[in-house]
Protein backbone atom coordinates (compact mmCIF):
# COMPACT_ATOMS: atom_id res chain seq x y z
CA MET A 1 0.00 0.00 0.00
CA PRO A 2 1.96 3.05 -1.14
CA HIS A 3 1.82 6.07 1.14
CA VAL A 4 3.50 9.14 -0.29
CA VAL A 5 4.46 12.09 1.91
CA VAL A 6 5.21 15.38 0.19
CA LYS A 7 7.19 17.82 2.32
CA LEU A 8 7.14 21.38 1.05
CA TRP A 9 7.22 25.00 2.11
CA PRO A 10 3.88 26.56 3.10
CA GLY A 11 2.00 28.63 0.56
CA LYS A 12 0.59 26.21 -1.97
CA SER A 13 -3.18 26.34 -2.39
CA GLU A 14 -5.54 23.49 -1.54
CA GLN A 15 -6.29 23.23 -5.25
CA GLN A 16 -2.58 22.76 -6.05
CA LYS A 17 -2.19 20.13 -3.33
CA LYS A 18 -5.30 18.24 -4.45
CA ARG A 19 -4.09 18.31 -8.05
CA LEU A 20 -0.63 17.02 -7.07
CA ALA A 21 -2.18 14.31 -4.88
CA GLN A 22 -4.27 13.16 -7.85
CA GLU A 23 -1.25 13.21 -10.19
CA ILE A 24 0.78 11.17 -7.70
CA THR A 25 -2.10 8.72 -7.27
CA ASP A 26 -2.50 8.35 -11.03
CA SER A 27 1.24 7.74 -11.45
CA VAL A 28 1.36 5.14 -8.66
CA MET A 29 -1.60 3.34 -10.23
CA SER A 30 -0.10 3.45 -13.70
CA VAL A 31 3.49 2.57 -12.84
CA LEU A 32 3.05 0.20 -9.91
CA GLY A 33 -0.32 -1.30 -10.77
CA TYR A 34 -2.14 -0.45 -7.52
CA GLY A 35 -5.78 0.61 -7.36
CA ALA A 36 -6.75 4.10 -6.21
CA GLY A 37 -7.99 2.71 -2.89
CA SER A 38 -4.49 1.45 -2.09
CA VAL A 39 -2.77 4.82 -2.46
CA SER A 40 -2.59 7.60 0.14
CA VAL A 41 -0.91 10.99 -0.18
CA ALA A 42 -0.09 13.42 2.63
CA PHE A 43 1.41 16.90 2.72
CA GLU A 44 3.65 18.25 5.47
CA GLU A 45 4.36 21.96 5.33
CA ILE A 46 7.79 22.84 6.69
CA GLU A 47 8.88 26.45 7.16
CA SER A 48 11.88 27.38 5.02
CA ARG A 49 13.94 28.26 8.10
CA ASP A 50 13.41 24.68 9.39
CA TRP A 51 14.02 22.86 6.08
CA ALA A 52 17.67 21.91 6.69
CA GLU A 53 17.02 20.55 10.18
CA LYS A 54 13.65 18.87 9.63
CA VAL A 55 13.94 17.65 6.04
CA TYR A 56 17.33 17.98 4.36
CA ARG A 57 19.52 16.40 7.02
CA PRO A 58 17.25 13.52 8.15
CA ASP A 59 15.38 12.72 4.92
CA ILE A 60 17.78 13.68 2.14
CA LYS A 61 21.38 13.79 3.30
CA ALA A 62 21.08 10.82 5.70
CA LYS A 63 19.28 8.72 3.06
CA TRP A 64 21.14 9.92 -0.05
CA GLU A 65 21.71 6.39 -1.40
CA HIS A 66 17.94 5.72 -1.30
CA LEU A 67 16.93 8.79 -3.34
CA TYR A 68 15.82 8.11 -6.91
CA LYS A 69 15.54 11.87 -7.57
CA LYS A 70 18.21 13.94 -5.85
CA PRO A 71 17.86 17.69 -5.27
CA GLY A 72 19.95 20.25 -7.07
CA TYR A 73 20.65 22.36 -3.99
CA ASP A 74 22.81 22.22 -0.89
CA GLY A 75 20.43 21.86 2.03
CA CYS A 76 22.99 23.07 4.54
CA LYS A 77 22.37 26.62 3.44
CA SER A 78 19.34 28.40 4.81
CA PHE A 79 16.69 29.35 2.31
CA SER A 80 13.93 31.87 2.40
CA LEU A 81 10.81 31.89 0.27
CA SER A 82 12.51 34.44 -1.97
CA THR A 83 15.73 32.45 -2.36
CA PRO A 84 15.80 30.78 -5.78
CA ILE A 85 17.03 27.21 -5.78
CA PRO A 86 19.86 26.94 -8.31
CA PRO A 87 19.30 24.56 -11.21
CA LEU A 88 21.36 21.42 -11.61
CA LYS A 89 24.40 21.88 -13.77
CA ARG A 90 24.64 18.99 -16.15
CA PRO A 91 27.74 18.40 -18.20
CA ARG A 92 27.21 18.75 -21.89
CA THR A 93 28.58 15.82 -23.82
CA VAL A 94 28.76 15.53 -27.57
CA THR A 95 29.82 12.21 -29.00
CA GLY A 96 29.97 10.67 -32.42
CA SER A 97 29.99 12.46 -35.74
CA MET A 98 27.37 13.95 -37.97
CA SER A 99 27.30 14.72 -41.65
CA ILE A 100 24.75 16.80 -43.45
CA ARG A 101 24.06 16.11 -47.09
CA SER A 102 21.87 18.12 -49.35
């Protein structure tokens, strides 16, 4: 019985949370083959000032090897609601050769 907990900063509307819960439920049903009655989704709002202590250190850093999607930020820094989270920098790799013929 999958139970998904989404931890996020406060400020998202009930409509946004309901929509995300439905999208998560649909994905769990589609990918894992469970029925809707087997899936539960919860939201825990964590203040930005508490994120490193309550989420990053115990749920991300301490369980890094279990994450299938890793964040692109350093959770040891403090964030505020106006602090943009930097995007992941991915190396650009070009391999092989290409020829264009007209």
